[in-house]
Amino acid sequence: MSLPLLGLGAVEFEGKDVPASEVLKKFGWEPIELQSKEGLALLMLHPSLDLQLHRECIFLIGTAWDIPVGDTQEVISLLDRELDAIRAAGEGGTVAHVLPEDELSMNAIGLETLDNIWDLFETSLRMDSMQARTKMFEMAKWLEESQNLLD
């Protein structure tokens, strides 16, 4: 619901789905620009909202590609440690990321994000369960809505 205020995502306007940025332009409104403090606040308000989907998808990807359970659990552990780092930053103000900055998904360029989305669809073809495929689609949709696809 907050993505349109940032000029991101799509909204229903005059009976059609249109990019939020177009609606903002139509009314002469500028999108809200979040600073690091506000972005961190959004993460702190919903620290597990997207992480559960991430955990489920990591497990499903591991299963689909026959990755050893220990390796899959290590990736989930990295995710949990990153969440702990974000929570600690909320208290002290500085994020000590678990992974190097260039490996964080928030630093991916548009083509890398599109490649990740493609990989999710490729992985979903290895899955027999419609529920598992739906989770991969939800993750692809999350990436499309939350990552920069323009560079």
N, C-alpha and C. Protein backbone atom coordinates (compact mmCIF):
# COMPACT_ATOMS: atom_id res chain seq x y z
N MET A 1 0.81 -1.19 0.00
CA MET A 1 0.00 0.00 0.00
C MET A 1 0.86 1.26 0.00
N SER A 2 2.06 1.20 0.54
CA SER A 2 2.91 2.38 0.58
C SER A 2 3.72 2.56 -0.69
N LEU A 3 3.87 1.54 -1.52
CA LEU A 3 4.67 1.66 -2.74
C LEU A 3 4.20 2.80 -3.64
N PRO A 4 2.88 2.98 -3.86
CA PRO A 4 2.45 4.09 -4.72
C PRO A 4 2.90 5.46 -4.21
N LEU A 5 2.98 5.64 -2.90
CA LEU A 5 3.44 6.92 -2.36
C LEU A 5 4.90 7.19 -2.71
N LEU A 6 5.62 6.11 -2.98
CA LEU A 6 7.02 6.22 -3.38
C LEU A 6 7.17 6.31 -4.89
N GLY A 7 6.04 6.27 -5.61
CA GLY A 7 6.07 6.28 -7.07
C GLY A 7 6.35 4.92 -7.66
N LEU A 8 6.17 3.86 -6.86
CA LEU A 8 6.47 2.50 -7.28
C LEU A 8 5.20 1.67 -7.37
N GLY A 9 5.26 0.60 -8.12
CA GLY A 9 4.12 -0.31 -8.22
C GLY A 9 3.04 0.26 -9.12
N ALA A 10 1.87 -0.32 -9.00
CA ALA A 10 0.73 0.10 -9.82
C ALA A 10 -0.48 0.34 -8.93
N VAL A 11 -1.38 1.17 -9.43
CA VAL A 11 -2.62 1.47 -8.71
C VAL A 11 -3.78 1.38 -9.69
N GLU A 12 -4.97 1.17 -9.14
CA GLU A 12 -6.15 1.22 -10.00
C GLU A 12 -6.59 2.67 -10.07
N PHE A 13 -6.64 3.20 -11.27
CA PHE A 13 -7.02 4.60 -11.48
C PHE A 13 -7.92 4.67 -12.70
N GLU A 14 -9.12 5.23 -12.50
CA GLU A 14 -10.10 5.34 -13.57
C GLU A 14 -10.38 3.99 -14.21
N GLY A 15 -10.46 2.95 -13.35
CA GLY A 15 -10.82 1.61 -13.80
C GLY A 15 -9.71 0.81 -14.45
N LYS A 16 -8.48 1.34 -14.44
CA LYS A 16 -7.36 0.64 -15.08
C LYS A 16 -6.20 0.55 -14.10
N ASP A 17 -5.38 -0.49 -14.26
CA ASP A 17 -4.13 -0.58 -13.52
C ASP A 17 -3.09 0.24 -14.26
N VAL A 18 -2.55 1.25 -13.57
CA VAL A 18 -1.54 2.11 -14.18
C VAL A 18 -0.38 2.27 -13.21
N PRO A 19 0.83 2.55 -13.75
CA PRO A 19 1.96 2.78 -12.86
C PRO A 19 1.67 3.96 -11.91
N ALA A 20 2.02 3.78 -10.65
CA ALA A 20 1.78 4.81 -9.64
C ALA A 20 2.46 6.12 -10.03
N SER A 21 3.64 6.02 -10.66
CA SER A 21 4.37 7.24 -11.04
C SER A 21 3.55 8.10 -12.01
N GLU A 22 2.77 7.46 -12.89
CA GLU A 22 1.94 8.21 -13.84
C GLU A 22 0.83 8.97 -13.12
N VAL A 23 0.24 8.34 -12.12
CA VAL A 23 -0.83 9.00 -11.37
C VAL A 23 -0.26 10.18 -10.58
N LEU A 24 0.90 10.00 -9.98
CA LEU A 24 1.53 11.10 -9.26
C LEU A 24 1.79 12.28 -10.20
N LYS A 25 2.30 11.98 -11.40
CA LYS A 25 2.57 13.04 -12.38
C LYS A 25 1.29 13.76 -12.79
N LYS A 26 0.23 12.99 -12.98
CA LYS A 26 -1.05 13.56 -13.40
C LYS A 26 -1.53 14.62 -12.42
N PHE A 27 -1.31 14.39 -11.13
CA PHE A 27 -1.75 15.33 -10.11
C PHE A 27 -0.66 16.33 -9.71
N GLY A 28 0.51 16.21 -10.33
CA GLY A 28 1.60 17.12 -9.99
C GLY A 28 2.23 16.85 -8.64
N TRP A 29 2.11 15.61 -8.17
CA TRP A 29 2.66 15.23 -6.87
C TRP A 29 4.03 14.61 -7.06
N GLU A 30 4.90 14.87 -6.11
CA GLU A 30 6.21 14.26 -6.09
C GLU A 30 6.17 13.00 -5.22
N PRO A 31 6.85 11.93 -5.63
CA PRO A 31 6.89 10.74 -4.76
C PRO A 31 7.66 11.06 -3.48
N ILE A 32 7.27 10.39 -2.41
CA ILE A 32 7.98 10.53 -1.15
C ILE A 32 9.35 9.88 -1.32
N GLU A 33 10.39 10.55 -0.84
CA GLU A 33 11.74 9.99 -0.90
C GLU A 33 12.15 9.61 0.51
N LEU A 34 12.34 8.32 0.72
CA LEU A 34 12.74 7.85 2.04
C LEU A 34 14.23 8.03 2.23
N GLN A 35 14.60 8.47 3.40
CA GLN A 35 15.99 8.52 3.79
C GLN A 35 16.30 7.21 4.51
N SER A 36 17.54 6.98 4.85
CA SER A 36 17.92 5.71 5.46
C SER A 36 17.13 5.44 6.74
N LYS A 37 16.87 6.48 7.53
CA LYS A 37 16.14 6.30 8.78
C LYS A 37 14.72 5.78 8.53
N GLU A 38 14.04 6.36 7.53
CA GLU A 38 12.68 5.91 7.23
C GLU A 38 12.68 4.50 6.66
N GLY A 39 13.67 4.21 5.78
CA GLY A 39 13.77 2.85 5.23
C GLY A 39 13.99 1.83 6.32
N LEU A 40 14.86 2.17 7.26
CA LEU A 40 15.11 1.28 8.38
C LEU A 40 13.84 1.12 9.23
N ALA A 41 13.11 2.21 9.40
CA ALA A 41 11.87 2.14 10.18
C ALA A 41 10.87 1.19 9.52
N LEU A 42 10.79 1.22 8.19
CA LEU A 42 9.89 0.30 7.50
C LEU A 42 10.30 -1.15 7.73
N LEU A 43 11.61 -1.40 7.69
CA LEU A 43 12.09 -2.76 7.96
C LEU A 43 11.78 -3.17 9.39
N MET A 44 11.93 -2.24 10.32
CA MET A 44 11.70 -2.56 11.72
C MET A 44 10.22 -2.81 11.99
N LEU A 45 9.34 -2.12 11.27
CA LEU A 45 7.91 -2.32 11.48
C LEU A 45 7.46 -3.69 11.01
N HIS A 46 8.09 -4.20 9.97
CA HIS A 46 7.71 -5.48 9.38
C HIS A 46 8.91 -6.38 9.17
N PRO A 47 9.68 -6.68 10.22
CA PRO A 47 10.92 -7.42 10.01
C PRO A 47 10.73 -8.86 9.57
N SER A 48 9.56 -9.44 9.75
CA SER A 48 9.39 -10.83 9.35
C SER A 48 8.43 -11.00 8.18
N LEU A 49 7.82 -9.93 7.73
CA LEU A 49 6.83 -10.02 6.67
C LEU A 49 7.38 -10.71 5.43
N ASP A 50 8.48 -10.20 4.90
CA ASP A 50 9.06 -10.79 3.70
C ASP A 50 10.01 -11.93 4.02
N LEU A 51 10.55 -11.93 5.23
CA LEU A 51 11.54 -12.95 5.56
C LEU A 51 10.94 -14.35 5.59
N GLN A 52 9.70 -14.48 5.98
CA GLN A 52 9.10 -15.81 5.97
C GLN A 52 9.02 -16.35 4.54
N LEU A 53 8.64 -15.49 3.62
CA LEU A 53 8.60 -15.89 2.21
C LEU A 53 10.00 -16.28 1.75
N HIS A 54 11.01 -15.50 2.15
CA HIS A 54 12.39 -15.82 1.80
C HIS A 54 12.79 -17.19 2.35
N ARG A 55 12.48 -17.43 3.61
CA ARG A 55 12.83 -18.72 4.23
C ARG A 55 12.19 -19.88 3.46
N GLU A 56 10.91 -19.73 3.18
CA GLU A 56 10.18 -20.80 2.47
C GLU A 56 10.79 -21.03 1.09
N CYS A 57 11.11 -19.97 0.39
CA CYS A 57 11.65 -20.11 -0.96
C CYS A 57 13.06 -20.71 -0.94
N ILE A 58 13.86 -20.33 0.05
CA ILE A 58 15.20 -20.93 0.15
C ILE A 58 15.07 -22.43 0.35
N PHE A 59 14.16 -22.85 1.23
CA PHE A 59 13.94 -24.28 1.46
C PHE A 59 13.46 -24.97 0.18
N LEU A 60 12.49 -24.34 -0.51
CA LEU A 60 11.94 -24.94 -1.73
C LEU A 60 12.99 -25.02 -2.84
N ILE A 61 13.82 -24.00 -2.96
CA ILE A 61 14.89 -24.03 -3.97
C ILE A 61 15.88 -25.14 -3.65
N GLY A 62 16.22 -25.27 -2.36
CA GLY A 62 17.12 -26.35 -1.95
C GLY A 62 16.57 -27.71 -2.30
N THR A 63 15.28 -27.89 -2.05
CA THR A 63 14.63 -29.16 -2.36
C THR A 63 14.61 -29.41 -3.87
N ALA A 64 14.24 -28.39 -4.63
CA ALA A 64 14.12 -28.54 -6.09
C ALA A 64 15.45 -28.90 -6.74
N TRP A 65 16.55 -28.38 -6.23
CA TRP A 65 17.86 -28.59 -6.84
C TRP A 65 18.70 -29.61 -6.06
N ASP A 66 18.07 -30.34 -5.14
CA ASP A 66 18.76 -31.37 -4.36
C ASP A 66 19.99 -30.82 -3.63
N ILE A 67 19.86 -29.63 -3.09
CA ILE A 67 20.94 -29.03 -2.30
C ILE A 67 20.89 -29.66 -0.91
N PRO A 68 22.02 -30.05 -0.36
CA PRO A 68 22.01 -30.65 0.98
C PRO A 68 21.31 -29.75 2.00
N VAL A 69 20.54 -30.36 2.88
CA VAL A 69 19.75 -29.63 3.87
C VAL A 69 20.64 -28.70 4.70
N GLY A 70 21.83 -29.16 5.06
CA GLY A 70 22.75 -28.33 5.85
C GLY A 70 23.10 -27.03 5.14
N ASP A 71 23.32 -27.12 3.83
CA ASP A 71 23.65 -25.92 3.05
C ASP A 71 22.45 -24.97 3.00
N THR A 72 21.26 -25.53 2.83
CA THR A 72 20.05 -24.72 2.81
C THR A 72 19.85 -24.04 4.17
N GLN A 73 20.07 -24.78 5.24
CA GLN A 73 19.93 -24.20 6.57
C GLN A 73 20.95 -23.11 6.82
N GLU A 74 22.15 -23.24 6.26
CA GLU A 74 23.18 -22.20 6.41
C GLU A 74 22.73 -20.91 5.74
N VAL A 75 22.10 -21.01 4.58
CA VAL A 75 21.61 -19.81 3.89
C VAL A 75 20.50 -19.15 4.72
N ILE A 76 19.61 -19.96 5.27
CA ILE A 76 18.55 -19.42 6.13
C ILE A 76 19.16 -18.77 7.37
N SER A 77 20.22 -19.37 7.89
CA SER A 77 20.91 -18.80 9.04
C SER A 77 21.51 -17.43 8.69
N LEU A 78 22.08 -17.30 7.49
CA LEU A 78 22.60 -16.00 7.04
C LEU A 78 21.48 -14.96 7.02
N LEU A 79 20.33 -15.36 6.53
CA LEU A 79 19.18 -14.47 6.48
C LEU A 79 18.79 -14.02 7.89
N ASP A 80 18.75 -14.96 8.82
CA ASP A 80 18.40 -14.62 10.20
C ASP A 80 19.45 -13.72 10.84
N ARG A 81 20.72 -13.95 10.54
CA ARG A 81 21.77 -13.09 11.09
C ARG A 81 21.70 -11.69 10.50
N GLU A 82 21.32 -11.58 9.24
CA GLU A 82 21.13 -10.27 8.63
C GLU A 82 19.97 -9.53 9.31
N LEU A 83 18.89 -10.26 9.60
CA LEU A 83 17.76 -9.65 10.32
C LEU A 83 18.22 -9.15 11.69
N ASP A 84 19.02 -9.94 12.39
CA ASP A 84 19.56 -9.50 13.68
C ASP A 84 20.39 -8.24 13.52
N ALA A 85 21.17 -8.14 12.44
CA ALA A 85 21.98 -6.95 12.19
C ALA A 85 21.09 -5.73 11.97
N ILE A 86 19.98 -5.92 11.25
CA ILE A 86 19.05 -4.82 11.01
C ILE A 86 18.40 -4.37 12.31
N ARG A 87 18.00 -5.33 13.13
CA ARG A 87 17.41 -4.99 14.43
C ARG A 87 18.41 -4.25 15.31
N ALA A 88 19.66 -4.69 15.30
CA ALA A 88 20.69 -4.03 16.10
C ALA A 88 20.91 -2.61 15.59
N ALA A 89 20.83 -2.41 14.30
CA ALA A 89 21.00 -1.07 13.73
C ALA A 89 19.89 -0.14 14.18
N GLY A 90 18.71 -0.70 14.37
CA GLY A 90 17.60 0.12 14.86
C GLY A 90 17.90 0.70 16.22
N GLU A 91 18.66 -0.02 17.00
CA GLU A 91 19.02 0.45 18.33
C GLU A 91 20.21 1.39 18.28
N GLY A 92 21.22 1.06 17.48
CA GLY A 92 22.45 1.85 17.45
C GLY A 92 22.61 2.71 16.22
N GLY A 93 21.84 2.45 15.16
CA GLY A 93 21.88 3.28 13.97
C GLY A 93 22.80 2.84 12.85
N THR A 94 23.67 1.85 13.06
CA THR A 94 24.59 1.41 12.02
C THR A 94 24.39 -0.07 11.75
N VAL A 95 24.19 -0.41 10.47
CA VAL A 95 23.99 -1.81 10.11
C VAL A 95 25.35 -2.45 9.84
N ALA A 96 25.64 -3.52 10.56
CA ALA A 96 26.84 -4.33 10.32
C ALA A 96 26.38 -5.57 9.56
N HIS A 97 26.31 -5.43 8.22
CA HIS A 97 25.78 -6.52 7.40
C HIS A 97 26.62 -7.79 7.54
N VAL A 98 25.94 -8.92 7.44
CA VAL A 98 26.58 -10.23 7.51
C VAL A 98 27.35 -10.50 6.22
N LEU A 99 26.75 -10.15 5.10
CA LEU A 99 27.37 -10.35 3.78
C LEU A 99 28.04 -9.06 3.33
N PRO A 100 29.01 -9.17 2.43
CA PRO A 100 29.60 -7.95 1.85
C PRO A 100 28.51 -7.15 1.14
N GLU A 101 28.63 -5.82 1.16
CA GLU A 101 27.63 -4.93 0.57
C GLU A 101 27.28 -5.30 -0.87
N ASP A 102 28.28 -5.70 -1.68
CA ASP A 102 28.01 -5.99 -3.09
C ASP A 102 27.24 -7.29 -3.30
N GLU A 103 27.08 -8.10 -2.25
CA GLU A 103 26.32 -9.34 -2.37
C GLU A 103 24.88 -9.19 -1.86
N LEU A 104 24.55 -8.02 -1.31
CA LEU A 104 23.20 -7.80 -0.81
C LEU A 104 22.27 -7.55 -1.97
N SER A 105 21.07 -8.12 -1.90
CA SER A 105 20.12 -7.98 -3.01
C SER A 105 19.73 -6.53 -3.25
N MET A 106 19.77 -5.69 -2.21
CA MET A 106 19.39 -4.30 -2.39
C MET A 106 20.39 -3.56 -3.29
N ASN A 107 21.57 -4.13 -3.52
CA ASN A 107 22.57 -3.51 -4.37
C ASN A 107 22.62 -4.13 -5.77
N ALA A 108 21.68 -5.01 -6.07
CA ALA A 108 21.66 -5.64 -7.39
C ALA A 108 21.20 -4.64 -8.45
N ILE A 109 21.83 -4.70 -9.62
CA ILE A 109 21.37 -3.86 -10.72
C ILE A 109 20.16 -4.54 -11.37
N GLY A 110 19.49 -3.81 -12.23
CA GLY A 110 18.26 -4.31 -12.84
C GLY A 110 18.42 -5.65 -13.53
N LEU A 111 19.50 -5.81 -14.30
CA LEU A 111 19.70 -7.08 -15.02
C LEU A 111 19.93 -8.24 -14.07
N GLU A 112 20.61 -7.99 -12.95
CA GLU A 112 20.80 -9.05 -11.95
C GLU A 112 19.47 -9.45 -11.33
N THR A 113 18.65 -8.47 -11.05
CA THR A 113 17.33 -8.75 -10.48
C THR A 113 16.49 -9.54 -11.46
N LEU A 114 16.49 -9.14 -12.73
CA LEU A 114 15.74 -9.88 -13.74
C LEU A 114 16.26 -11.30 -13.88
N ASP A 115 17.57 -11.48 -13.79
CA ASP A 115 18.16 -12.82 -13.84
C ASP A 115 17.70 -13.65 -12.65
N ASN A 116 17.63 -13.04 -11.47
CA ASN A 116 17.15 -13.75 -10.28
C ASN A 116 15.69 -14.16 -10.44
N ILE A 117 14.88 -13.27 -11.02
CA ILE A 117 13.47 -13.59 -11.26
C ILE A 117 13.37 -14.76 -12.24
N TRP A 118 14.17 -14.71 -13.31
CA TRP A 118 14.17 -15.80 -14.28
C TRP A 118 14.55 -17.12 -13.62
N ASP A 119 15.56 -17.08 -12.73
CA ASP A 119 15.98 -18.29 -12.02
C ASP A 119 14.86 -18.87 -11.17
N LEU A 120 14.04 -17.99 -10.58
CA LEU A 120 12.91 -18.49 -9.78
C LEU A 120 11.91 -19.23 -10.67
N PHE A 121 11.64 -18.67 -11.85
CA PHE A 121 10.73 -19.35 -12.76
C PHE A 121 11.32 -20.67 -13.25
N GLU A 122 12.61 -20.68 -13.54
CA GLU A 122 13.28 -21.92 -13.96
C GLU A 122 13.19 -22.97 -12.85
N THR A 123 13.41 -22.54 -11.62
CA THR A 123 13.33 -23.46 -10.49
C THR A 123 11.91 -24.00 -10.32
N SER A 124 10.93 -23.14 -10.54
CA SER A 124 9.54 -23.58 -10.36
C SER A 124 9.17 -24.71 -11.31
N LEU A 125 9.85 -24.80 -12.45
CA LEU A 125 9.59 -25.89 -13.40
C LEU A 125 10.02 -27.24 -12.85
N ARG A 126 10.90 -27.24 -11.86
CA ARG A 126 11.38 -28.47 -11.25
C ARG A 126 10.46 -28.94 -10.12
N MET A 127 9.42 -28.17 -9.84
CA MET A 127 8.55 -28.45 -8.69
C MET A 127 7.25 -29.10 -9.15
N ASP A 128 6.82 -30.10 -8.38
CA ASP A 128 5.57 -30.78 -8.69
C ASP A 128 4.37 -30.10 -8.05
N SER A 129 4.60 -29.43 -6.95
CA SER A 129 3.52 -28.85 -6.17
C SER A 129 3.12 -27.47 -6.69
N MET A 130 1.83 -27.26 -6.88
CA MET A 130 1.33 -25.95 -7.28
C MET A 130 1.59 -24.93 -6.17
N GLN A 131 1.53 -25.37 -4.93
CA GLN A 131 1.79 -24.48 -3.80
C GLN A 131 3.25 -23.99 -3.83
N ALA A 132 4.18 -24.88 -4.13
CA ALA A 132 5.59 -24.50 -4.21
C ALA A 132 5.81 -23.53 -5.38
N ARG A 133 5.19 -23.81 -6.52
CA ARG A 133 5.33 -22.92 -7.67
C ARG A 133 4.74 -21.54 -7.36
N THR A 134 3.65 -21.52 -6.62
CA THR A 134 3.04 -20.26 -6.23
C THR A 134 3.98 -19.45 -5.34
N LYS A 135 4.69 -20.11 -4.44
CA LYS A 135 5.66 -19.42 -3.58
C LYS A 135 6.77 -18.80 -4.44
N MET A 136 7.24 -19.52 -5.46
CA MET A 136 8.27 -18.98 -6.34
C MET A 136 7.74 -17.74 -7.07
N PHE A 137 6.48 -17.81 -7.50
CA PHE A 137 5.87 -16.65 -8.17
C PHE A 137 5.77 -15.48 -7.21
N GLU A 138 5.37 -15.74 -5.95
CA GLU A 138 5.27 -14.67 -4.96
C GLU A 138 6.62 -14.02 -4.73
N MET A 139 7.68 -14.83 -4.68
CA MET A 139 9.02 -14.27 -4.49
C MET A 139 9.43 -13.45 -5.71
N ALA A 140 9.14 -13.95 -6.91
CA ALA A 140 9.46 -13.20 -8.12
C ALA A 140 8.72 -11.86 -8.13
N LYS A 141 7.48 -11.89 -7.71
CA LYS A 141 6.67 -10.66 -7.65
C LYS A 141 7.26 -9.70 -6.62
N TRP A 142 7.70 -10.22 -5.47
CA TRP A 142 8.31 -9.39 -4.44
C TRP A 142 9.58 -8.72 -4.99
N LEU A 143 10.41 -9.50 -5.70
CA LEU A 143 11.62 -8.93 -6.29
C LEU A 143 11.28 -7.83 -7.29
N GLU A 144 10.30 -8.10 -8.12
CA GLU A 144 9.90 -7.13 -9.14
C GLU A 144 9.41 -5.83 -8.49
N GLU A 145 8.70 -5.94 -7.39
CA GLU A 145 8.13 -4.76 -6.74
C GLU A 145 9.12 -4.04 -5.83
N SER A 146 10.13 -4.74 -5.34
CA SER A 146 10.99 -4.13 -4.34
C SER A 146 12.40 -3.80 -4.82
N GLN A 147 12.78 -4.30 -5.97
CA GLN A 147 14.14 -4.08 -6.45
C GLN A 147 14.14 -3.14 -7.65
N ASN A 148 15.27 -2.51 -7.88
CA ASN A 148 15.43 -1.60 -8.99
C ASN A 148 15.61 -2.38 -10.29
N LEU A 149 14.72 -2.14 -11.25
CA LEU A 149 14.83 -2.83 -12.53
C LEU A 149 15.27 -1.87 -13.64
N LEU A 150 15.59 -0.63 -13.28
CA LEU A 150 15.83 0.39 -14.29
C LEU A 150 17.28 0.57 -14.69
N ASP A 151 18.23 0.00 -13.96
CA ASP A 151 19.63 0.22 -14.34
C ASP A 151 20.28 -1.01 -14.92
